[in-house]
Amino acid sequence: MKELVEVIAKALVDYPDQVTVTETETDKSIVVELRVAQSDMGKVIGKQGRIAKAIRSVVKAAASKSEKKVIVDIMQ
């Protein structure tokens, strides 16, 4: 999941070198934290959160075979 979020985020932002993705796994869930440059936050979130919602939908679809819930957090 980490690589998928990283590829999507780097394609969207102006400063792909500042994109960092960390993945934390527990028994029932996987938390993916995405950090981008302050000026790129709007590009990753999108109008009314549409791009963020789309990223979460793609990750959820990719994780459907695993039995763990995947949470994508966009951090500053």
C-alpha atoms as a PDB file:
ATOM      1  CA  MET A   1       0.000   0.000   0.000  1.00  0.00           C
ATOM      2  CA  LYS A   2       2.871   2.342   0.821  1.00  0.00           C
ATOM      3  CA  GLU A   3       4.254   2.217  -2.718  1.00  0.00           C
ATOM      4  CA  LEU A   4       0.826   2.788  -4.277  1.00  0.00           C
ATOM      5  CA  VAL A   5       0.162   5.932  -2.219  1.00  0.00           C
ATOM      6  CA  GLU A   6       3.676   7.203  -2.912  1.00  0.00           C
ATOM      7  CA  VAL A   7       3.342   6.810  -6.694  1.00  0.00           C
ATOM      8  CA  ILE A   8      -0.054   8.541  -6.754  1.00  0.00           C
ATOM      9  CA  ALA A   9       1.105  11.427  -4.544  1.00  0.00           C
ATOM     10  CA  LYS A  10       4.334  12.023  -6.477  1.00  0.00           C
ATOM     11  CA  ALA A  11       2.335  12.265  -9.705  1.00  0.00           C
ATOM     12  CA  LEU A  12       0.110  14.993  -8.226  1.00  0.00           C
ATOM     13  CA  VAL A  13       2.540  17.351  -6.480  1.00  0.00           C
ATOM     14  CA  ASP A  14       5.061  20.006  -7.583  1.00  0.00           C
ATOM     15  CA  TYR A  15       7.750  18.796  -5.136  1.00  0.00           C
ATOM     16  CA  PRO A  16       7.851  14.979  -5.406  1.00  0.00           C
ATOM     17  CA  ASP A  17      11.124  14.824  -3.469  1.00  0.00           C
ATOM     18  CA  GLN A  18       9.271  16.039  -0.344  1.00  0.00           C
ATOM     19  CA  VAL A  19       6.671  13.238  -0.431  1.00  0.00           C
ATOM     20  CA  THR A  20       7.099  10.777   2.432  1.00  0.00           C
ATOM     21  CA  VAL A  21       4.882   7.800   3.157  1.00  0.00           C
ATOM     22  CA  THR A  22       5.007   5.702   6.315  1.00  0.00           C
ATOM     23  CA  GLU A  23       3.086   2.532   6.947  1.00  0.00           C
ATOM     24  CA  THR A  24       2.115   1.183  10.371  1.00  0.00           C
ATOM     25  CA  GLU A  25       0.527  -2.237  10.628  1.00  0.00           C
ATOM     26  CA  THR A  26      -1.558  -3.586  13.504  1.00  0.00           C
ATOM     27  CA  ASP A  27      -3.592  -6.756  13.921  1.00  0.00           C
ATOM     28  CA  LYS A  28      -6.689  -5.484  12.129  1.00  0.00           C
ATOM     29  CA  SER A  29      -5.571  -2.413  10.200  1.00  0.00           C
ATOM     30  CA  ILE A  30      -2.843  -0.711   8.199  1.00  0.00           C
ATOM     31  CA  VAL A  31      -2.327   3.036   8.663  1.00  0.00           C
ATOM     32  CA  VAL A  32      -0.630   4.836   5.781  1.00  0.00           C
ATOM     33  CA  GLU A  33       0.542   8.387   6.571  1.00  0.00           C
ATOM     34  CA  LEU A  34       1.208  10.692   3.636  1.00  0.00           C
ATOM     35  CA  ARG A  35       3.254  13.857   4.121  1.00  0.00           C
ATOM     36  CA  VAL A  36       3.759  16.444   1.371  1.00  0.00           C
ATOM     37  CA  ALA A  37       5.129  19.986   1.150  1.00  0.00           C
ATOM     38  CA  GLN A  38       2.844  22.669   2.576  1.00  0.00           C
ATOM     39  CA  SER A  39       2.308  24.198  -0.875  1.00  0.00           C
ATOM     40  CA  ASP A  40       1.204  20.810  -2.256  1.00  0.00           C
ATOM     41  CA  MET A  41      -1.494  20.094   0.344  1.00  0.00           C
ATOM     42  CA  GLY A  42      -4.236  21.521  -1.849  1.00  0.00           C
ATOM     43  CA  LYS A  43      -3.217  19.372  -4.785  1.00  0.00           C
ATOM     44  CA  VAL A  44      -3.359  16.186  -2.711  1.00  0.00           C
ATOM     45  CA  ILE A  45      -6.648  17.034  -0.990  1.00  0.00           C
ATOM     46  CA  GLY A  46      -8.445  18.608  -3.948  1.00  0.00           C
ATOM     47  CA  LYS A  47     -11.655  20.612  -4.017  1.00  0.00           C
ATOM     48  CA  GLN A  48     -13.981  19.400  -1.274  1.00  0.00           C
ATOM     49  CA  GLY A  49     -11.560  16.525  -0.626  1.00  0.00           C
ATOM     50  CA  ARG A  50     -12.293  14.763  -3.903  1.00  0.00           C
ATOM     51  CA  ILE A  51      -8.697  13.765  -4.686  1.00  0.00           C
ATOM     52  CA  ALA A  52      -8.090  12.551  -1.121  1.00  0.00           C
ATOM     53  CA  LYS A  53     -11.299  10.520  -1.342  1.00  0.00           C
ATOM     54  CA  ALA A  54     -10.186   9.062  -4.682  1.00  0.00           C
ATOM     55  CA  ILE A  55      -6.789   8.078  -3.247  1.00  0.00           C
ATOM     56  CA  ARG A  56      -8.524   6.357  -0.338  1.00  0.00           C
ATOM     57  CA  SER A  57     -10.886   4.533  -2.733  1.00  0.00           C
ATOM     58  CA  VAL A  58      -8.023   3.230  -4.874  1.00  0.00           C
ATOM     59  CA  VAL A  59      -6.106   2.037  -1.802  1.00  0.00           C
ATOM     60  CA  LYS A  60      -9.229   0.390  -0.389  1.00  0.00           C
ATOM     61  CA  ALA A  61      -9.798  -1.443  -3.674  1.00  0.00           C
ATOM     62  CA  ALA A  62      -6.167  -2.585  -3.779  1.00  0.00           C
ATOM     63  CA  ALA A  63      -6.436  -3.841  -0.196  1.00  0.00           C
ATOM     64  CA  SER A  64      -9.718  -5.680  -0.710  1.00  0.00           C
ATOM     65  CA  LYS A  65      -7.972  -9.064  -0.930  1.00  0.00           C
ATOM     66  CA  SER A  66      -6.329  -8.623   2.446  1.00  0.00           C
ATOM     67  CA  GLU A  67      -8.597  -8.807   5.446  1.00  0.00           C
ATOM     68  CA  LYS A  68      -7.173  -5.669   7.036  1.00  0.00           C
ATOM     69  CA  LYS A  69      -8.706  -2.211   6.987  1.00  0.00           C
ATOM     70  CA  VAL A  70      -6.475   0.397   5.345  1.00  0.00           C
ATOM     71  CA  ILE A  71      -6.542   3.988   6.613  1.00  0.00           C
ATOM     72  CA  VAL A  72      -4.874   6.790   4.634  1.00  0.00           C
ATOM     73  CA  ASP A  73      -4.004   9.896   6.671  1.00  0.00           C
ATOM     74  CA  ILE A  74      -2.777  13.046   4.949  1.00  0.00           C
ATOM     75  CA  MET A  75      -0.503  14.916   7.349  1.00  0.00           C
ATOM     76  CA  GLN A  76       1.210  18.306   7.298  1.00  0.00           C
END
